[in-house]
Amino acid sequence: MMAHPAEECEPDKLLNVLGHKNIKNTLVYTHLVNLEGDEYVSKVAWNLEEACKLVDAGFDYVTDVEGAKLFRKRK
């Protein structure tokens, strides 16, 4: 049986797999997927101040999508 695409993808790749145009829609699915121990909380920063707050809170930068910066942190 093939794995669901969400189980194999980072948020930016999942955005393309699901055909979403807005990363906010895709991030909804990142909270619904069990990655067998690799569970993350995902956040989006739209400006430098938000990005700095996420880094200070222990989030790691992942990628840029549509002007947004994606971050994640292990649960």
PDB file of N, CA and C in Angstrom:
ATOM      1  N   MET A   1       0.843  -1.170   0.000  1.00  0.00           N
ATOM      2  CA  MET A   1       0.000   0.000   0.000  1.00  0.00           C
ATOM      3  C   MET A   1       0.890   1.236   0.000  1.00  0.00           C
ATOM      4  N   MET A   2       0.550   2.229  -0.821  1.00  0.00           N
ATOM      5  CA  MET A   2       1.335   3.449  -0.905  1.00  0.00           C
ATOM      6  C   MET A   2       1.021   4.356   0.269  1.00  0.00           C
ATOM      7  N   ALA A   3       2.029   5.072   0.730  1.00  0.00           N
ATOM      8  CA  ALA A   3       1.829   6.033   1.808  1.00  0.00           C
ATOM      9  C   ALA A   3       1.094   7.252   1.267  1.00  0.00           C
ATOM     10  N   HIS A   4       0.348   7.885   2.118  1.00  0.00           N
ATOM     11  CA  HIS A   4      -0.316   9.133   1.748  1.00  0.00           C
ATOM     12  C   HIS A   4       0.761  10.169   1.469  1.00  0.00           C
ATOM     13  N   PRO A   5       0.612  11.013   0.441  1.00  0.00           N
ATOM     14  CA  PRO A   5       1.635  12.004   0.121  1.00  0.00           C
ATOM     15  C   PRO A   5       2.011  12.880   1.301  1.00  0.00           C
ATOM     16  N   ALA A   6       1.082  13.170   2.191  1.00  0.00           N
ATOM     17  CA  ALA A   6       1.372  14.034   3.333  1.00  0.00           C
ATOM     18  C   ALA A   6       2.381  13.400   4.278  1.00  0.00           C
ATOM     19  N   GLU A   7       2.521  12.076   4.260  1.00  0.00           N
ATOM     20  CA  GLU A   7       3.447  11.407   5.150  1.00  0.00           C
ATOM     21  C   GLU A   7       4.884  11.469   4.643  1.00  0.00           C
ATOM     22  N   GLU A   8       5.091  11.921   3.426  1.00  0.00           N
ATOM     23  CA  GLU A   8       6.415  11.926   2.835  1.00  0.00           C
ATOM     24  C   GLU A   8       6.931  13.321   2.523  1.00  0.00           C
ATOM     25  N   CYS A   9       6.159  14.376   2.785  1.00  0.00           N
ATOM     26  CA  CYS A   9       6.481  15.699   2.284  1.00  0.00           C
ATOM     27  C   CYS A   9       6.677  16.735   3.365  1.00  0.00           C
ATOM     28  N   GLU A  10       7.519  17.694   3.043  1.00  0.00           N
ATOM     29  CA  GLU A  10       7.640  18.918   3.813  1.00  0.00           C
ATOM     30  C   GLU A  10       6.462  19.804   3.410  1.00  0.00           C
ATOM     31  N   PRO A  11       6.117  20.815   4.217  1.00  0.00           N
ATOM     32  CA  PRO A  11       4.954  21.643   3.894  1.00  0.00           C
ATOM     33  C   PRO A  11       4.975  22.263   2.511  1.00  0.00           C
ATOM     34  N   ASP A  12       6.152  22.736   2.043  1.00  0.00           N
ATOM     35  CA  ASP A  12       6.200  23.358   0.717  1.00  0.00           C
ATOM     36  C   ASP A  12       5.936  22.342  -0.396  1.00  0.00           C
ATOM     37  N   LYS A  13       6.390  21.119  -0.216  1.00  0.00           N
ATOM     38  CA  LYS A  13       6.133  20.080  -1.216  1.00  0.00           C
ATOM     39  C   LYS A  13       4.680  19.621  -1.150  1.00  0.00           C
ATOM     40  N   LEU A  14       4.154  19.538   0.065  1.00  0.00           N
ATOM     41  CA  LEU A  14       2.764  19.141   0.242  1.00  0.00           C
ATOM     42  C   LEU A  14       1.822  20.155  -0.407  1.00  0.00           C
ATOM     43  N   LEU A  15       2.178  21.432  -0.347  1.00  0.00           N
ATOM     44  CA  LEU A  15       1.400  22.482  -1.001  1.00  0.00           C
ATOM     45  C   LEU A  15       1.200  22.147  -2.471  1.00  0.00           C
ATOM     46  N   ASN A  16       2.266  21.734  -3.136  1.00  0.00           N
ATOM     47  CA  ASN A  16       2.186  21.379  -4.556  1.00  0.00           C
ATOM     48  C   ASN A  16       1.401  20.092  -4.786  1.00  0.00           C
ATOM     49  N   VAL A  17       1.608  19.107  -3.925  1.00  0.00           N
ATOM     50  CA  VAL A  17       0.911  17.823  -4.067  1.00  0.00           C
ATOM     51  C   VAL A  17      -0.598  18.015  -3.954  1.00  0.00           C
ATOM     52  N   LEU A  18      -1.015  18.861  -3.006  1.00  0.00           N
ATOM     53  CA  LEU A  18      -2.438  19.076  -2.791  1.00  0.00           C
ATOM     54  C   LEU A  18      -3.026  20.118  -3.737  1.00  0.00           C
ATOM     55  N   GLY A  19      -2.170  20.811  -4.480  1.00  0.00           N
ATOM     56  CA  GLY A  19      -2.652  21.810  -5.427  1.00  0.00           C
ATOM     57  C   GLY A  19      -3.114  23.099  -4.773  1.00  0.00           C
ATOM     58  N   HIS A  20      -2.633  23.361  -3.560  1.00  0.00           N
ATOM     59  CA  HIS A  20      -3.022  24.593  -2.868  1.00  0.00           C
ATOM     60  C   HIS A  20      -2.247  25.777  -3.418  1.00  0.00           C
ATOM     61  N   LYS A  21      -2.868  26.946  -3.371  1.00  0.00           N
ATOM     62  CA  LYS A  21      -2.190  28.178  -3.762  1.00  0.00           C
ATOM     63  C   LYS A  21      -1.712  28.954  -2.541  1.00  0.00           C
ATOM     64  N   ASN A  22      -2.289  28.653  -1.383  1.00  0.00           N
ATOM     65  CA  ASN A  22      -1.961  29.379  -0.162  1.00  0.00           C
ATOM     66  C   ASN A  22      -1.438  28.391   0.880  1.00  0.00           C
ATOM     67  N   ILE A  23      -0.264  28.689   1.427  1.00  0.00           N
ATOM     68  CA  ILE A  23       0.363  27.793   2.397  1.00  0.00           C
ATOM     69  C   ILE A  23      -0.489  27.624   3.651  1.00  0.00           C
ATOM     70  N   LYS A  24      -1.324  28.614   3.976  1.00  0.00           N
ATOM     71  CA  LYS A  24      -2.180  28.500   5.163  1.00  0.00           C
ATOM     72  C   LYS A  24      -3.102  27.285   5.047  1.00  0.00           C
ATOM     73  N   ASN A  25      -3.604  27.020   3.845  1.00  0.00           N
ATOM     74  CA  ASN A  25      -4.468  25.852   3.640  1.00  0.00           C
ATOM     75  C   ASN A  25      -3.682  24.561   3.833  1.00  0.00           C
ATOM     76  N   THR A  26      -2.462  24.537   3.355  1.00  0.00           N
ATOM     77  CA  THR A  26      -1.632  23.342   3.451  1.00  0.00           C
ATOM     78  C   THR A  26      -1.252  23.051   4.903  1.00  0.00           C
ATOM     79  N   LEU A  27      -0.972  24.098   5.676  1.00  0.00           N
ATOM     80  CA  LEU A  27      -0.542  23.898   7.059  1.00  0.00           C
ATOM     81  C   LEU A  27      -1.617  23.239   7.908  1.00  0.00           C
ATOM     82  N   VAL A  28      -2.870  23.356   7.491  1.00  0.00           N
ATOM     83  CA  VAL A  28      -3.948  22.657   8.196  1.00  0.00           C
ATOM     84  C   VAL A  28      -3.664  21.157   8.186  1.00  0.00           C
ATOM     85  N   TYR A  29      -3.191  20.630   7.056  1.00  0.00           N
ATOM     86  CA  TYR A  29      -2.948  19.201   6.918  1.00  0.00           C
ATOM     87  C   TYR A  29      -1.710  18.738   7.676  1.00  0.00           C
ATOM     88  N   THR A  30      -0.740  19.615   7.906  1.00  0.00           N
ATOM     89  CA  THR A  30       0.471  19.184   8.608  1.00  0.00           C
ATOM     90  C   THR A  30       0.169  18.808  10.045  1.00  0.00           C
ATOM     91  N   HIS A  31      -0.938  19.296  10.592  1.00  0.00           N
ATOM     92  CA  HIS A  31      -1.317  18.962  11.961  1.00  0.00           C
ATOM     93  C   HIS A  31      -2.172  17.700  12.021  1.00  0.00           C
ATOM     94  N   LEU A  32      -2.594  17.192  10.877  1.00  0.00           N
ATOM     95  CA  LEU A  32      -3.446  16.012  10.835  1.00  0.00           C
ATOM     96  C   LEU A  32      -2.677  14.732  10.533  1.00  0.00           C
ATOM     97  N   VAL A  33      -1.403  14.850  10.212  1.00  0.00           N
ATOM     98  CA  VAL A  33      -0.614  13.713   9.756  1.00  0.00           C
ATOM     99  C   VAL A  33       0.296  13.213  10.870  1.00  0.00           C
ATOM    100  N   ASN A  34       0.295  11.916  11.096  1.00  0.00           N
ATOM    101  CA  ASN A  34       1.201  11.295  12.055  1.00  0.00           C
ATOM    102  C   ASN A  34       2.437  10.821  11.302  1.00  0.00           C
ATOM    103  N   LEU A  35       3.572  11.391  11.599  1.00  0.00           N
ATOM    104  CA  LEU A  35       4.803  11.023  10.902  1.00  0.00           C
ATOM    105  C   LEU A  35       5.651  10.062  11.728  1.00  0.00           C
ATOM    106  N   GLU A  36       4.998   9.214  12.498  1.00  0.00           N
ATOM    107  CA  GLU A  36       5.652   8.165  13.265  1.00  0.00           C
ATOM    108  C   GLU A  36       6.861   8.678  14.050  1.00  0.00           C
ATOM    109  N   GLY A  37       6.603   9.574  14.987  1.00  0.00           N
ATOM    110  CA  GLY A  37       7.673  10.085  15.825  1.00  0.00           C
ATOM    111  C   GLY A  37       8.299  11.370  15.319  1.00  0.00           C
ATOM    112  N   ASP A  38       8.124  11.697  14.067  1.00  0.00           N
ATOM    113  CA  ASP A  38       8.647  12.939  13.518  1.00  0.00           C
ATOM    114  C   ASP A  38       7.538  13.978  13.469  1.00  0.00           C
ATOM    115  N   GLU A  39       6.935  14.258  14.619  1.00  0.00           N
ATOM    116  CA  GLU A  39       5.828  15.207  14.663  1.00  0.00           C
ATOM    117  C   GLU A  39       6.360  16.611  14.900  1.00  0.00           C
ATOM    118  N   TYR A  40       5.836  17.565  14.146  1.00  0.00           N
ATOM    119  CA  TYR A  40       6.259  18.950  14.215  1.00  0.00           C
ATOM    120  C   TYR A  40       5.066  19.876  14.379  1.00  0.00           C
ATOM    121  N   VAL A  41       5.328  21.014  14.977  1.00  0.00           N
ATOM    122  CA  VAL A  41       4.402  22.135  14.965  1.00  0.00           C
ATOM    123  C   VAL A  41       4.919  23.057  13.880  1.00  0.00           C
ATOM    124  N   SER A  42       4.055  23.480  12.964  1.00  0.00           N
ATOM    125  CA  SER A  42       4.442  24.363  11.871  1.00  0.00           C
ATOM    126  C   SER A  42       3.872  25.747  12.094  1.00  0.00           C
ATOM    127  N   LYS A  43       4.659  26.752  11.759  1.00  0.00           N
ATOM    128  CA  LYS A  43       4.237  28.150  11.871  1.00  0.00           C
ATOM    129  C   LYS A  43       4.689  28.910  10.632  1.00  0.00           C
ATOM    130  N   VAL A  44       3.980  30.006  10.348  1.00  0.00           N
ATOM    131  CA  VAL A  44       4.293  30.852   9.199  1.00  0.00           C
ATOM    132  C   VAL A  44       4.654  32.238   9.689  1.00  0.00           C
ATOM    133  N   ALA A  45       5.732  32.805   9.140  1.00  0.00           N
ATOM    134  CA  ALA A  45       6.116  34.186   9.421  1.00  0.00           C
ATOM    135  C   ALA A  45       5.959  34.993   8.144  1.00  0.00           C
ATOM    136  N   TRP A  46       5.306  36.130   8.273  1.00  0.00           N
ATOM    137  CA  TRP A  46       5.080  36.993   7.107  1.00  0.00           C
ATOM    138  C   TRP A  46       6.016  38.188   7.088  1.00  0.00           C
ATOM    139  N   ASN A  47       6.790  38.382   8.169  1.00  0.00           N
ATOM    140  CA  ASN A  47       7.734  39.499   8.198  1.00  0.00           C
ATOM    141  C   ASN A  47       8.899  39.142   9.126  1.00  0.00           C
ATOM    142  N   LEU A  48       9.875  40.034   9.174  1.00  0.00           N
ATOM    143  CA  LEU A  48      11.089  39.779   9.945  1.00  0.00           C
ATOM    144  C   LEU A  48      10.795  39.653  11.440  1.00  0.00           C
ATOM    145  N   GLU A  49       9.917  40.488  11.962  1.00  0.00           N
ATOM    146  CA  GLU A  49       9.596  40.435  13.384  1.00  0.00           C
ATOM    147  C   GLU A  49       8.990  39.081  13.762  1.00  0.00           C
ATOM    148  N   GLU A  50       8.058  38.580  12.960  1.00  0.00           N
ATOM    149  CA  GLU A  50       7.445  37.271  13.231  1.00  0.00           C
ATOM    150  C   GLU A  50       8.483  36.165  13.139  1.00  0.00           C
ATOM    151  N   ALA A  51       9.372  36.242  12.146  1.00  0.00           N
ATOM    152  CA  ALA A  51      10.417  35.229  11.980  1.00  0.00           C
ATOM    153  C   ALA A  51      11.346  35.207  13.186  1.00  0.00           C
ATOM    154  N   CYS A  52      11.734  36.373  13.679  1.00  0.00           N
ATOM    155  CA  CYS A  52      12.616  36.446  14.849  1.00  0.00           C
ATOM    156  C   CYS A  52      11.954  35.831  16.080  1.00  0.00           C
ATOM    157  N   LYS A  53      10.670  36.094  16.258  1.00  0.00           N
ATOM    158  CA  LYS A  53       9.950  35.522  17.403  1.00  0.00           C
ATOM    159  C   LYS A  53       9.921  33.994  17.321  1.00  0.00           C
ATOM    160  N   LEU A  54       9.726  33.464  16.116  1.00  0.00           N
ATOM    161  CA  LEU A  54       9.691  32.008  15.959  1.00  0.00           C
ATOM    162  C   LEU A  54      11.053  31.391  16.246  1.00  0.00           C
ATOM    163  N   VAL A  55      12.107  32.023  15.761  1.00  0.00           N
ATOM    164  CA  VAL A  55      13.458  31.512  16.029  1.00  0.00           C
ATOM    165  C   VAL A  55      13.740  31.559  17.522  1.00  0.00           C
ATOM    166  N   ASP A  56      13.363  32.647  18.170  1.00  0.00           N
ATOM    167  CA  ASP A  56      13.556  32.761  19.623  1.00  0.00           C
ATOM    168  C   ASP A  56      12.774  31.701  20.383  1.00  0.00           C
ATOM    169  N   ALA A  57      11.646  31.253  19.810  1.00  0.00           N
ATOM    170  CA  ALA A  57      10.811  30.232  20.456  1.00  0.00           C
ATOM    171  C   ALA A  57      11.274  28.814  20.121  1.00  0.00           C
ATOM    172  N   GLY A  58      12.387  28.686  19.390  1.00  0.00           N
ATOM    173  CA  GLY A  58      12.938  27.367  19.114  1.00  0.00           C
ATOM    174  C   GLY A  58      12.527  26.752  17.791  1.00  0.00           C
ATOM    175  N   PHE A  59      11.869  27.517  16.921  1.00  0.00           N
ATOM    176  CA  PHE A  59      11.475  27.004  15.619  1.00  0.00           C
ATOM    177  C   PHE A  59      12.644  27.066  14.650  1.00  0.00           C
ATOM    178  N   ASP A  60      12.700  26.096  13.735  1.00  0.00           N
ATOM    179  CA  ASP A  60      13.724  26.047  12.693  1.00  0.00           C
ATOM    180  C   ASP A  60      13.115  26.483  11.362  1.00  0.00           C
ATOM    181  N   TYR A  61      13.872  27.261  10.605  1.00  0.00           N
ATOM    182  CA  TYR A  61      13.444  27.688   9.275  1.00  0.00           C
ATOM    183  C   TYR A  61      13.397  26.487   8.345  1.00  0.00           C
ATOM    184  N   VAL A  62      12.348  26.412   7.507  1.00  0.00           N
ATOM    185  CA  VAL A  62      12.215  25.313   6.546  1.00  0.00           C
ATOM    186  C   VAL A  62      12.389  25.818   5.125  1.00  0.00           C
ATOM    187  N   THR A  63      11.531  26.767   4.693  1.00  0.00           N
ATOM    188  CA  THR A  63      11.579  27.249   3.316  1.00  0.00           C
ATOM    189  C   THR A  63      10.702  28.480   3.161  1.00  0.00           C
ATOM    190  N   ASP A  64      10.784  29.100   1.981  1.00  0.00           N
ATOM    191  CA  ASP A  64       9.904  30.211   1.609  1.00  0.00           C
ATOM    192  C   ASP A  64       8.857  29.693   0.637  1.00  0.00           C
ATOM    193  N   VAL A  65       7.608  30.126   0.823  1.00  0.00           N
ATOM    194  CA  VAL A  65       6.526  29.785  -0.107  1.00  0.00           C
ATOM    195  C   VAL A  65       5.620  31.004  -0.230  1.00  0.00           C
ATOM    196  N   GLU A  66       5.459  31.483  -1.443  1.00  0.00           N
ATOM    197  CA  GLU A  66       4.549  32.600  -1.727  1.00  0.00           C
ATOM    198  C   GLU A  66       4.767  33.783  -0.785  1.00  0.00           C
ATOM    199  N   GLY A  67       6.009  34.119  -0.526  1.00  0.00           N
ATOM    200  CA  GLY A  67       6.318  35.257   0.324  1.00  0.00           C
ATOM    201  C   GLY A  67       6.286  34.965   1.810  1.00  0.00           C
ATOM    202  N   ALA A  68       5.900  33.768   2.191  1.00  0.00           N
ATOM    203  CA  ALA A  68       5.861  33.381   3.599  1.00  0.00           C
ATOM    204  C   ALA A  68       7.091  32.543   3.927  1.00  0.00           C
ATOM    205  N   LYS A  69       7.541  32.657   5.154  1.00  0.00           N
ATOM    206  CA  LYS A  69       8.642  31.821   5.627  1.00  0.00           C
ATOM    207  C   LYS A  69       8.051  30.757   6.545  1.00  0.00           C
ATOM    208  N   LEU A  70       8.358  29.496   6.241  1.00  0.00           N
ATOM    209  CA  LEU A  70       7.828  28.382   7.030  1.00  0.00           C
ATOM    210  C   LEU A  70       8.856  27.940   8.065  1.00  0.00           C
ATOM    211  N   PHE A  71       8.369  27.674   9.264  1.00  0.00           N
ATOM    212  CA  PHE A  71       9.185  27.204  10.370  1.00  0.00           C
ATOM    213  C   PHE A  71       8.557  25.979  10.985  1.00  0.00           C
ATOM    214  N   ARG A  72       9.369  25.169  11.653  1.00  0.00           N
ATOM    215  CA  ARG A  72       8.824  24.009  12.354  1.00  0.00           C
ATOM    216  C   ARG A  72       9.639  23.742  13.596  1.00  0.00           C
ATOM    217  N   LYS A  73       8.991  23.025  14.542  1.00  0.00           N
ATOM    218  CA  LYS A  73       9.648  22.638  15.792  1.00  0.00           C
ATOM    219  C   LYS A  73       9.070  21.287  16.193  1.00  0.00           C
ATOM    220  N   ARG A  74       9.914  20.411  16.662  1.00  0.00           N
ATOM    221  CA  ARG A  74       9.433  19.109  17.122  1.00  0.00           C
ATOM    222  C   ARG A  74       8.475  19.292  18.300  1.00  0.00           C
ATOM    223  N   LYS A  75       7.443  18.431  18.307  1.00  0.00           N
ATOM    224  CA  LYS A  75       6.476  18.469  19.424  1.00  0.00           C
ATOM    225  C   LYS A  75       7.108  17.938  20.677  1.00  0.00           C
TER     226      LYS A  75
END
